[in-house]
N, C-alpha and C. Protein backbone atom coordinates (compact mmCIF):
# COMPACT_ATOMS: atom_id res chain seq x y z
N MET A 1 -13.83 14.24 -7.23
CA MET A 1 -12.71 13.78 -8.38
C MET A 1 -12.00 13.93 -7.23
N SER A 2 -11.24 12.24 -7.06
CA SER A 2 -9.85 12.43 -6.50
C SER A 2 -8.96 12.31 -7.18
N GLU A 3 -7.70 12.81 -6.10
CA GLU A 3 -6.56 13.47 -6.97
C GLU A 3 -5.35 12.67 -7.80
N LEU A 4 -6.13 11.13 -7.64
CA LEU A 4 -5.82 10.42 -8.80
C LEU A 4 -6.21 10.79 -10.05
N GLU A 5 -7.79 10.76 -9.90
CA GLU A 5 -8.36 11.13 -10.97
C GLU A 5 -8.40 12.02 -11.75
N HIS A 6 -7.91 12.82 -10.65
CA HIS A 6 -7.36 14.74 -11.34
C HIS A 6 -5.95 14.07 -11.85
N VAL A 7 -5.01 13.76 -11.94
CA VAL A 7 -3.84 13.38 -12.03
C VAL A 7 -4.15 12.55 -13.34
N LEU A 8 -4.76 12.17 -13.77
CA LEU A 8 -5.08 11.33 -15.09
C LEU A 8 -5.18 12.06 -16.15
N GLU A 9 -6.44 13.07 -15.88
CA GLU A 9 -7.21 13.73 -16.15
C GLU A 9 -5.69 15.25 -16.57
N ASN A 10 -5.28 15.70 -15.76
CA ASN A 10 -3.99 15.86 -15.93
C ASN A 10 -3.20 16.20 -15.84
N PRO A 11 -1.80 15.28 -16.33
CA PRO A 11 -1.01 14.87 -15.71
C PRO A 11 -0.23 16.09 -15.35
N SER A 12 0.02 17.62 -15.42
CA SER A 12 0.90 18.49 -15.40
C SER A 12 2.54 17.70 -15.80
N VAL A 13 3.33 19.03 -15.36
CA VAL A 13 5.05 19.07 -15.59
C VAL A 13 5.63 17.52 -15.79
N TYR A 14 4.95 16.51 -14.32
CA TYR A 14 5.67 15.45 -14.09
C TYR A 14 5.21 14.06 -14.33
N GLY A 15 4.58 14.46 -14.99
CA GLY A 15 3.99 13.48 -15.79
C GLY A 15 3.47 13.42 -17.22
N LYS A 16 3.48 12.41 -17.74
CA LYS A 16 2.95 12.77 -19.76
C LYS A 16 1.85 11.41 -19.72
N LYS A 17 0.72 11.49 -20.80
CA LYS A 17 -0.17 10.50 -20.81
C LYS A 17 0.87 9.63 -22.13
N LEU A 18 1.02 8.59 -22.04
CA LEU A 18 1.88 7.57 -22.83
C LEU A 18 0.28 6.90 -23.73
N GLY A 19 -0.66 7.11 -23.36
CA GLY A 19 -1.21 5.54 -24.18
C GLY A 19 -2.52 5.98 -23.72
N GLU A 20 -4.27 5.50 -24.43
CA GLU A 20 -5.61 5.81 -24.48
C GLU A 20 -5.85 4.93 -24.83
N PHE A 21 -6.79 3.97 -24.51
CA PHE A 21 -6.81 3.35 -25.39
C PHE A 21 -8.58 2.64 -24.63
N THR A 22 -9.10 2.02 -25.53
CA THR A 22 -10.60 0.75 -24.83
C THR A 22 -10.20 -0.52 -25.48
N THR A 23 -11.11 -1.02 -24.53
CA THR A 23 -10.57 -2.70 -24.78
C THR A 23 -12.20 -3.06 -23.92
N GLN A 24 -12.00 -4.34 -23.28
CA GLN A 24 -13.39 -5.25 -23.34
C GLN A 24 -13.25 -5.24 -21.35
N CYS A 25 -14.17 -4.89 -20.82
CA CYS A 25 -14.49 -5.32 -19.21
C CYS A 25 -13.76 -6.25 -19.25
N PRO A 26 -13.45 -7.30 -17.99
CA PRO A 26 -13.58 -8.41 -18.03
C PRO A 26 -14.40 -9.35 -16.40
N PHE A 27 -15.73 -7.91 -17.09
CA PHE A 27 -16.39 -8.00 -15.76
C PHE A 27 -18.27 -8.71 -16.70
N CYS A 28 -17.88 -7.06 -17.23
CA CYS A 28 -19.78 -7.02 -17.90
C CYS A 28 -19.56 -6.98 -19.21
N GLY A 29 -17.74 -7.43 -19.90
CA GLY A 29 -17.75 -7.13 -21.48
C GLY A 29 -18.46 -5.98 -22.55
N GLY A 30 -18.65 -4.99 -21.54
CA GLY A 30 -18.87 -3.82 -21.85
C GLY A 30 -17.05 -2.90 -22.39
N PRO A 31 -17.52 -1.31 -22.10
CA PRO A 31 -15.84 -0.37 -22.93
C PRO A 31 -15.59 -0.27 -21.92
N LEU A 32 -13.96 -0.27 -21.42
CA LEU A 32 -13.52 -0.28 -20.32
C LEU A 32 -12.19 1.12 -20.55
N HIS A 33 -12.55 1.74 -20.22
CA HIS A 33 -11.24 2.82 -21.16
C HIS A 33 -9.99 2.89 -20.05
N VAL A 34 -9.32 2.57 -20.60
CA VAL A 34 -7.84 2.61 -20.23
C VAL A 34 -6.34 3.98 -19.84
N VAL A 35 -6.19 4.27 -19.06
CA VAL A 35 -5.55 5.59 -19.34
C VAL A 35 -4.44 4.91 -18.68
N GLU A 36 -3.28 5.21 -19.20
CA GLU A 36 -1.73 4.66 -19.44
C GLU A 36 -0.55 6.64 -18.74
N ILE A 37 -0.03 7.10 -17.77
CA ILE A 37 0.48 7.53 -17.91
C ILE A 37 1.46 7.61 -16.71
N GLU A 38 2.61 8.14 -17.69
CA GLU A 38 3.38 8.11 -16.40
C GLU A 38 4.54 9.14 -15.94
N TYR A 39 4.52 8.91 -14.71
CA TYR A 39 4.63 9.73 -13.17
C TYR A 39 5.53 9.94 -12.80
N GLU A 40 6.00 10.79 -12.01
CA GLU A 40 7.24 11.37 -11.22
C GLU A 40 6.52 11.44 -9.77
N ILE A 41 7.26 10.10 -8.52
CA ILE A 41 6.53 10.72 -7.39
C ILE A 41 7.50 10.72 -6.27
N PRO A 42 7.59 11.58 -5.23
CA PRO A 42 8.19 11.58 -4.69
C PRO A 42 8.30 11.00 -3.92
N VAL A 43 9.52 10.36 -3.36
CA VAL A 43 9.97 8.86 -3.13
C VAL A 43 9.72 7.81 -3.89
N ILE A 44 9.44 8.07 -4.52
CA ILE A 44 9.69 6.18 -5.26
C ILE A 44 10.16 5.95 -6.60
N GLY A 45 10.18 7.93 -7.26
CA GLY A 45 10.95 7.61 -8.76
C GLY A 45 9.65 7.88 -9.78
N LYS A 46 9.59 7.37 -10.62
CA LYS A 46 9.30 7.74 -12.08
C LYS A 46 8.30 5.74 -11.84
N THR A 47 7.42 6.26 -12.13
CA THR A 47 5.94 5.29 -11.64
C THR A 47 5.12 5.39 -13.18
N LEU A 48 4.29 4.28 -13.27
CA LEU A 48 3.15 3.71 -14.17
C LEU A 48 1.87 3.97 -13.71
N ILE A 49 1.61 4.95 -14.01
CA ILE A 49 -0.14 5.07 -13.77
C ILE A 49 -1.16 4.40 -14.74
N VAL A 50 -2.10 3.25 -14.53
CA VAL A 50 -2.88 3.08 -15.42
C VAL A 50 -4.37 3.07 -14.36
N SER A 51 -5.13 3.61 -15.24
CA SER A 51 -5.86 3.88 -14.96
C SER A 51 -7.08 2.68 -15.55
N LYS A 52 -8.30 2.14 -15.07
CA LYS A 52 -9.68 1.75 -15.96
C LYS A 52 -10.50 2.19 -15.09
N LYS A 53 -11.73 2.38 -16.67
CA LYS A 53 -12.92 2.55 -15.88
C LYS A 53 -13.89 1.64 -16.60
N CYS A 54 -15.28 1.01 -16.79
CA CYS A 54 -16.03 0.86 -16.80
C CYS A 54 -16.65 1.82 -17.33
N SER A 55 -17.52 2.41 -18.66
CA SER A 55 -19.23 3.12 -18.12
C SER A 55 -20.45 1.73 -18.38
N LYS A 56 -20.09 1.21 -18.21
CA LYS A 56 -21.25 -0.28 -18.68
C LYS A 56 -21.57 -0.28 -16.85
N CYS A 57 -20.48 -0.77 -16.18
CA CYS A 57 -21.45 -1.77 -15.00
C CYS A 57 -20.07 -0.83 -13.51
N GLY A 58 -19.44 0.09 -14.35
CA GLY A 58 -18.85 0.83 -13.61
C GLY A 58 -17.61 -0.09 -12.10
N TYR A 59 -16.89 -0.81 -13.60
CA TYR A 59 -15.59 -1.72 -12.31
C TYR A 59 -14.91 -0.23 -12.56
N LYS A 60 -14.01 -0.27 -11.67
CA LYS A 60 -13.42 0.84 -11.72
C LYS A 60 -11.69 0.12 -10.74
N ARG A 61 -9.86 0.14 -11.38
CA ARG A 61 -8.75 0.22 -11.13
C ARG A 61 -7.89 0.61 -11.64
N ASN A 62 -6.80 1.15 -10.73
CA ASN A 62 -6.22 2.30 -10.65
C ASN A 62 -4.71 1.46 -9.92
N ASP A 63 -3.68 0.91 -11.13
CA ASP A 63 -2.61 0.68 -10.28
C ASP A 63 -1.13 1.77 -10.28
N VAL A 64 -0.65 1.68 -9.31
CA VAL A 64 0.62 1.90 -9.82
C VAL A 64 1.84 1.19 -9.20
N VAL A 65 2.93 1.52 -10.59
CA VAL A 65 2.98 0.63 -11.18
C VAL A 65 5.22 1.07 -11.16
N PRO A 66 6.02 0.98 -10.05
CA PRO A 66 7.55 1.51 -9.77
C PRO A 66 7.91 0.85 -10.88
N LEU A 67 8.67 1.98 -11.54
CA LEU A 67 9.09 1.90 -13.35
C LEU A 67 10.92 1.52 -12.95
N ALA A 68 11.28 2.01 -11.87
CA ALA A 68 12.87 1.13 -11.59
C ALA A 68 12.65 0.70 -9.91
N GLY A 69 13.31 0.10 -9.81
CA GLY A 69 13.56 -0.87 -8.50
C GLY A 69 15.17 -0.42 -8.27
N LYS A 70 15.35 -0.93 -6.14
CA LYS A 70 16.59 -0.22 -5.72
C LYS A 70 16.74 -1.78 -5.79
N GLU A 71 18.06 -1.78 -4.69
CA GLU A 71 18.55 -3.17 -4.08
C GLU A 71 17.69 -3.38 -2.33
N HIS A 72 17.99 -4.98 -2.08
CA HIS A 72 16.57 -5.37 -1.91
C HIS A 72 16.88 -4.17 -0.09
N LEU A 73 15.50 -4.41 0.48
CA LEU A 73 15.76 -2.82 1.45
C LEU A 73 14.83 -3.64 2.39
N ARG A 74 15.17 -3.50 3.99
CA ARG A 74 14.37 -3.58 4.20
C ARG A 74 14.31 -2.76 5.76
N VAL A 75 12.95 -2.66 6.53
CA VAL A 75 13.18 -0.82 6.79
C VAL A 75 12.03 -1.22 7.69
N TYR A 76 12.34 -0.10 9.11
CA TYR A 76 12.18 -0.57 10.23
C TYR A 76 11.69 0.62 10.99
N PHE A 77 10.97 0.33 11.36
CA PHE A 77 10.09 1.91 12.27
C PHE A 77 9.77 1.81 13.44
N LYS A 78 9.78 1.68 14.56
CA LYS A 78 9.32 1.78 15.78
C LYS A 78 8.00 2.71 17.06
N VAL A 79 7.31 2.03 17.01
CA VAL A 79 6.16 2.65 16.97
C VAL A 79 6.14 3.30 18.45
N GLU A 80 6.10 3.97 18.59
CA GLU A 80 6.41 4.75 20.57
C GLU A 80 5.11 5.47 21.09
N GLU A 81 4.99 6.15 20.25
CA GLU A 81 4.08 7.35 20.64
C GLU A 81 2.65 7.60 19.80
N PRO A 82 1.64 7.99 20.17
CA PRO A 82 0.81 7.54 20.07
C PRO A 82 0.50 9.13 18.24
N GLU A 83 1.35 10.32 18.35
CA GLU A 83 1.51 10.60 17.17
C GLU A 83 2.39 9.14 16.02
N ASP A 84 3.29 8.56 15.85
CA ASP A 84 3.55 7.74 15.23
C ASP A 84 2.59 6.71 14.85
N PHE A 85 0.98 6.56 14.77
CA PHE A 85 0.02 6.08 13.49
C PHE A 85 0.10 7.13 12.94
N ASP A 86 0.22 8.20 12.75
CA ASP A 86 0.01 8.43 11.35
C ASP A 86 1.07 8.99 10.08
N VAL A 87 2.65 8.60 11.03
CA VAL A 87 3.31 8.14 9.92
C VAL A 87 3.01 7.82 9.20
N LYS A 88 3.48 8.32 7.51
CA LYS A 88 2.63 7.45 6.60
C LYS A 88 4.05 6.16 5.91
N VAL A 89 3.23 5.32 5.09
CA VAL A 89 4.06 4.19 5.00
C VAL A 89 3.49 4.02 3.87
N VAL A 90 4.33 3.88 2.74
CA VAL A 90 4.46 3.73 1.45
C VAL A 90 5.08 2.19 0.69
N ARG A 91 4.20 1.49 0.70
CA ARG A 91 4.01 -0.11 0.33
C ARG A 91 4.23 -0.65 -0.96
N SER A 92 5.55 -0.85 -1.40
CA SER A 92 5.55 -1.23 -3.31
C SER A 92 4.98 -3.18 -2.97
N PRO A 93 4.81 -2.96 -3.98
CA PRO A 93 3.84 -4.57 -4.26
C PRO A 93 4.86 -5.65 -4.29
N THR A 94 6.22 -5.24 -4.24
CA THR A 94 6.99 -6.72 -3.98
C THR A 94 7.36 -6.33 -1.64
N ALA A 95 6.45 -5.26 -0.98
CA ALA A 95 6.94 -5.43 0.00
C ALA A 95 6.04 -6.62 0.76
N ARG A 96 6.89 -6.92 2.17
CA ARG A 96 6.10 -7.66 2.77
C ARG A 96 6.18 -6.58 4.00
N VAL A 97 5.30 -6.57 5.06
CA VAL A 97 4.72 -6.09 6.01
C VAL A 97 4.83 -6.70 7.20
N VAL A 98 5.61 -6.59 8.35
CA VAL A 98 5.91 -7.56 9.17
C VAL A 98 5.91 -6.89 11.14
N ILE A 99 5.07 -7.22 11.94
CA ILE A 99 5.02 -6.74 12.64
C ILE A 99 5.61 -7.74 13.93
N PRO A 100 6.86 -7.51 14.07
CA PRO A 100 7.00 -9.53 14.57
C PRO A 100 6.28 -9.31 16.47
N GLU A 101 6.86 -8.97 17.02
CA GLU A 101 5.82 -8.71 18.27
C GLU A 101 4.88 -9.16 18.70
N LEU A 102 3.59 -8.64 17.01
CA LEU A 102 2.83 -9.16 16.93
C LEU A 102 2.42 -9.95 16.68
N GLY A 103 3.66 -11.52 16.19
CA GLY A 103 3.58 -12.36 15.21
C GLY A 103 2.73 -12.51 13.75
N LEU A 104 2.38 -11.27 13.34
CA LEU A 104 1.91 -10.85 12.01
C LEU A 104 2.90 -10.22 10.81
N GLU A 105 2.53 -10.63 9.55
CA GLU A 105 3.28 -11.15 8.27
C GLU A 105 1.92 -10.59 7.45
N LEU A 106 2.36 -9.77 6.79
CA LEU A 106 1.64 -9.67 5.64
C LEU A 106 2.21 -9.28 3.97
N ASP A 107 2.19 -10.49 3.22
CA ASP A 107 3.02 -11.25 2.04
C ASP A 107 1.85 -10.68 0.65
N PRO A 108 2.96 -10.16 0.46
CA PRO A 108 2.20 -10.09 -1.29
C PRO A 108 1.68 -10.79 -2.21
N GLY A 109 0.75 -10.82 -2.32
CA GLY A 109 0.05 -11.63 -3.49
C GLY A 109 0.47 -10.83 -4.79
N ILE A 110 0.23 -12.03 -6.26
CA ILE A 110 0.14 -12.11 -7.45
C ILE A 110 -0.62 -10.95 -8.09
N ASP A 111 -0.97 -10.59 -7.47
CA ASP A 111 -1.95 -9.16 -8.08
C ASP A 111 -1.77 -7.74 -7.14
N ALA A 112 -0.97 -7.55 -6.25
CA ALA A 112 -0.25 -6.87 -4.77
C ALA A 112 -0.42 -5.12 -5.55
N GLU A 113 -1.26 -4.65 -5.12
CA GLU A 113 -0.28 -3.25 -4.98
C GLU A 113 0.38 -2.36 -4.36
N MET A 114 0.70 -1.39 -5.18
CA MET A 114 1.42 -0.76 -4.44
C MET A 114 -0.29 0.40 -3.57
N PHE A 115 0.87 0.37 -2.50
CA PHE A 115 -0.13 1.38 -1.48
C PHE A 115 0.71 2.92 -0.37
N VAL A 116 -0.55 3.91 -0.06
CA VAL A 116 -0.27 4.88 0.59
C VAL A 116 -1.05 4.94 1.79
N THR A 117 -0.49 4.77 3.24
CA THR A 117 -1.44 4.61 4.27
C THR A 117 -0.52 4.89 5.28
N ASN A 118 -1.22 4.49 6.63
CA ASN A 118 -0.17 5.01 7.87
C ASN A 118 0.14 4.10 8.88
N ILE A 119 0.80 4.01 9.94
CA ILE A 119 0.27 2.89 11.01
C ILE A 119 -1.06 2.29 11.21
N GLU A 120 -1.72 3.40 11.27
CA GLU A 120 -2.77 2.21 11.75
C GLU A 120 -3.35 2.40 10.55
N GLY A 121 -3.38 3.00 9.83
CA GLY A 121 -4.21 1.94 8.27
C GLY A 121 -3.48 0.55 8.09
N ILE A 122 -2.32 0.39 8.28
CA ILE A 122 -1.18 -1.03 8.43
C ILE A 122 -1.77 -1.81 9.32
N LEU A 123 -2.30 -1.35 10.57
CA LEU A 123 -2.68 -1.85 11.90
C LEU A 123 -4.80 -2.34 11.12
N GLN A 124 -5.11 -1.71 10.80
CA GLN A 124 -6.40 -1.95 10.13
C GLN A 124 -6.87 -3.26 8.93
N LEU A 125 -5.52 -3.05 8.48
CA LEU A 125 -5.43 -3.70 7.29
C LEU A 125 -4.74 -5.68 7.51
N PHE A 126 -4.20 -5.73 8.70
CA PHE A 126 -4.42 -6.55 9.55
C PHE A 126 -5.24 -7.12 10.01
N LEU A 127 -6.24 -6.52 10.16
CA LEU A 127 -7.80 -7.63 11.03
C LEU A 127 -8.66 -7.24 10.09
N ASP A 128 -8.20 -6.09 9.03
CA ASP A 128 -9.34 -7.03 7.34
C ASP A 128 -8.85 -8.16 7.12
N ALA A 129 -7.28 -8.79 7.20
CA ALA A 129 -7.07 -10.29 6.76
C ALA A 129 -7.95 -11.62 7.93
N LEU A 130 -7.81 -10.84 8.83
CA LEU A 130 -8.05 -11.56 10.18
C LEU A 130 -9.42 -12.43 10.08
N HIS A 131 -10.20 -10.88 9.68
CA HIS A 131 -12.27 -11.22 9.41
C HIS A 131 -11.64 -12.27 8.16
N ARG A 132 -11.48 -12.14 7.20
CA ARG A 132 -11.52 -13.13 6.27
C ARG A 132 -10.97 -14.09 6.40
N LEU A 133 -10.23 -14.74 7.17
CA LEU A 133 -9.31 -15.75 7.92
C LEU A 133 -10.99 -16.25 8.30
N ARG A 134 -11.53 -15.12 9.01
CA ARG A 134 -12.42 -15.97 10.38
C ARG A 134 -13.83 -17.01 9.01
N VAL A 135 -13.99 -16.15 8.05
CA VAL A 135 -14.62 -16.27 6.96
C VAL A 135 -14.64 -17.49 6.88
N LEU A 136 -13.20 -17.71 6.27
CA LEU A 136 -12.95 -18.97 5.41
C LEU A 136 -12.66 -19.84 6.38
N GLU A 137 -12.26 -19.93 7.88
CA GLU A 137 -11.33 -20.72 8.23
C GLU A 137 -12.33 -20.94 9.49
N PRO A 138 -14.01 -20.97 10.04
CA PRO A 138 -14.56 -20.50 11.07
C PRO A 138 -13.70 -21.10 12.60
N GLU A 139 -13.31 -21.88 11.99
CA GLU A 139 -12.43 -22.86 13.69
C GLU A 139 -11.15 -22.54 14.27
N ALA A 140 -10.77 -21.08 12.98
CA ALA A 140 -9.56 -21.21 13.22
C ALA A 140 -9.32 -19.82 14.77
N ASP A 141 -8.16 -19.65 15.94
CA ASP A 141 -9.02 -18.83 17.18
C ASP A 141 -7.66 -17.88 16.72
N ILE A 142 -8.67 -17.11 16.64
CA ILE A 142 -7.76 -15.21 15.96
C ILE A 142 -8.67 -14.33 16.94
N SER A 143 -9.09 -14.76 18.28
CA SER A 143 -9.67 -13.85 18.73
C SER A 143 -8.59 -12.94 19.91
N ALA A 144 -7.16 -13.47 19.95
CA ALA A 144 -6.65 -12.51 20.80
C ALA A 144 -6.54 -11.05 20.11
N ILE A 145 -5.20 -11.95 19.30
CA ILE A 145 -4.79 -11.01 18.25
C ILE A 145 -6.05 -9.94 18.09
N GLU A 146 -7.16 -10.75 17.52
CA GLU A 146 -8.04 -9.60 16.90
C GLU A 146 -8.23 -8.83 18.30
N ASN A 147 -8.09 -8.83 19.49
CA ASN A 147 -8.37 -7.74 20.40
C ASN A 147 -6.97 -7.11 20.99
N THR A 148 -6.35 -7.75 20.93
CA THR A 148 -4.83 -7.08 20.56
C THR A 148 -4.78 -6.15 19.99
N ILE A 149 -5.08 -6.11 18.72
CA ILE A 149 -4.56 -4.85 17.26
C ILE A 149 -5.98 -4.06 17.76
N ARG A 150 -7.30 -4.30 18.35
CA ARG A 150 -7.74 -3.23 18.56
C ARG A 150 -8.54 -2.49 19.96
N GLN A 151 -7.33 -3.01 20.45
CA GLN A 151 -6.72 -2.07 21.65
C GLN A 151 -5.75 -1.51 21.62
N ILE A 152 -4.66 -1.63 20.93
CA ILE A 152 -3.68 -0.78 20.37
C ILE A 152 -3.97 0.05 19.27
N LEU A 153 -5.13 -0.36 18.41
CA LEU A 153 -5.79 1.07 18.02
C LEU A 153 -6.62 2.44 17.97
N GLU A 154 -7.33 1.29 19.85
CA GLU A 154 -8.01 2.10 20.12
C GLU A 154 -7.20 3.25 21.30
N LYS A 155 -6.73 2.82 21.73
CA LYS A 155 -5.48 3.83 22.76
C LYS A 155 -4.40 4.43 22.62
N ARG A 156 -3.83 3.74 20.67
CA ARG A 156 -3.04 4.56 19.73
C ARG A 156 -1.61 3.92 20.64
N ARG A 157 -1.74 2.93 21.72
CA ARG A 157 -0.17 2.20 21.86
C ARG A 157 0.75 1.61 21.22
N GLY A 158 1.58 2.52 21.55
CA GLY A 158 3.12 2.10 21.02
C GLY A 158 3.86 0.94 21.24
N GLY A 159 5.02 0.57 21.00
CA GLY A 159 5.29 -0.36 21.48
C GLY A 159 6.30 -1.95 20.55
N PHE A 160 6.21 -1.92 19.33
CA PHE A 160 6.47 -2.28 18.03
C PHE A 160 6.53 -2.00 17.28
N THR A 161 7.28 -2.34 16.56
CA THR A 161 7.76 -2.11 15.59
C THR A 161 7.23 -2.71 13.74
N VAL A 162 7.13 -1.55 12.86
CA VAL A 162 6.75 -2.67 11.40
C VAL A 162 7.77 -2.41 10.79
N VAL A 163 7.71 -3.35 10.08
CA VAL A 163 9.64 -3.25 9.51
C VAL A 163 8.77 -3.97 7.92
N LEU A 164 9.27 -3.60 7.35
CA LEU A 164 8.85 -3.07 5.06
C LEU A 164 10.30 -3.80 4.42
N ASP A 165 10.19 -4.90 4.34
CA ASP A 165 10.80 -5.96 3.05
C ASP A 165 10.91 -5.46 2.12
N ASP A 166 11.36 -5.25 1.07
CA ASP A 166 11.07 -5.04 -0.10
C ASP A 166 12.27 -5.77 -0.73
N GLU A 167 12.01 -6.37 -1.94
CA GLU A 167 13.03 -6.61 -3.16
C GLU A 167 12.90 -5.42 -3.59
N ASN A 168 12.59 -4.86 -4.49
CA ASN A 168 13.10 -4.08 -4.55
C ASN A 168 13.47 -2.91 -4.15
N GLY A 169 13.32 -2.62 -2.91
CA GLY A 169 13.92 -1.44 -2.05
C GLY A 169 13.05 0.25 -2.18
N LEU A 170 12.04 -0.39 -2.87
CA LEU A 170 10.68 0.95 -2.76
C LEU A 170 10.22 1.25 -1.77
N SER A 171 9.97 0.47 -0.62
CA SER A 171 9.19 0.91 0.20
C SER A 171 9.82 1.48 1.75
N THR A 172 9.19 2.45 1.67
CA THR A 172 9.59 3.44 3.10
C THR A 172 8.36 4.11 4.10
N PHE A 173 8.90 4.66 5.38
CA PHE A 173 8.42 5.19 6.59
C PHE A 173 8.66 6.69 6.08
N TYR A 174 7.29 8.04 6.31
CA TYR A 174 7.61 9.51 5.93
C TYR A 174 6.67 9.98 6.92
N SER A 175 6.90 11.18 7.36
CA SER A 175 6.26 12.14 8.25
C SER A 175 6.76 13.57 7.30
N GLU A 176 5.46 14.35 7.13
CA GLU A 176 5.33 15.63 6.61
C GLU A 176 6.06 17.20 7.45
N THR A 177 5.24 16.27 8.92
CA THR A 177 5.63 16.89 10.47
C THR A 177 6.35 16.43 10.52
N ARG A 178 7.48 15.67 10.71
CA ARG A 178 8.45 15.76 12.07
C ARG A 178 9.94 14.73 11.40
N ASN A 179 11.32 14.91 11.84
CA ASN A 179 11.95 13.72 11.18
C ASN A 179 11.34 12.25 12.52
N LEU A 180 11.83 11.18 11.72
CA LEU A 180 11.10 10.07 12.06
C LEU A 180 12.88 8.79 12.10
N LEU A 181 13.41 8.58 12.74
CA LEU A 181 14.21 7.71 12.79
C LEU A 181 14.09 6.66 12.30
N VAL A 182 14.34 6.51 11.41
CA VAL A 182 13.92 4.87 10.19
C VAL A 182 15.50 3.87 10.35
N LEU A 183 15.43 3.35 10.41
CA LEU A 183 16.74 2.18 11.13
C LEU A 183 16.18 1.52 8.85
N SER A 184 16.93 1.36 8.50
CA SER A 184 17.59 0.27 7.35
C SER A 184 18.86 -0.38 7.60
N GLU A 185 18.15 -1.40 6.05
CA GLU A 185 19.66 -2.06 6.13
C GLU A 185 19.43 -2.84 4.77
N ARG A 186 20.50 -2.58 3.79
CA ARG A 186 20.44 -3.60 2.05
C ARG A 186 20.34 -4.82 2.60
N THR A 187 20.17 -6.44 1.67
CA THR A 187 20.35 -7.20 2.01
C THR A 187 20.45 -8.25 0.41
N GLY A 188 20.89 -7.11 0.45
CA GLY A 188 21.38 -7.84 -1.41
C GLY A 188 22.13 -7.20 -2.01
């Protein structure tokens, strides 16, 4: 059982179950069980966790929706040391991720989800996006940037900045084991 599934079953003193109902699965038409919980998440604040699971086809989706926004915020983290690759990244559904030195940008889509990963995971997201681009546009010349990202991941070589540009001001970087120098600017 994942940590999110555990929270949905046992919301604790930090969460309260708002509702539970069954509706129709958008994929197979079977029964889709939906649970909604309001939960207090450190760094982010109050959120709505919506868990959906179909007992017929196995479709599963968990959404974490921030319930309060802040002002537009741009947060910068300079990756320099191998241990910087382990720094956590909290990205809200409204945040754009940019690595200017590599010319990489990840814009939130219409169905963007909040996620928590680390710097290594962000680089892997860009590799995955490049792989999808290669499938959709076989003529695209992306070999050089793919190789650059792979080398950075293999050698855990820093020298680049990750920028979280968030309209709702909820995205951030954090580490449980060390102090970070994170620069931020309010833009709104």
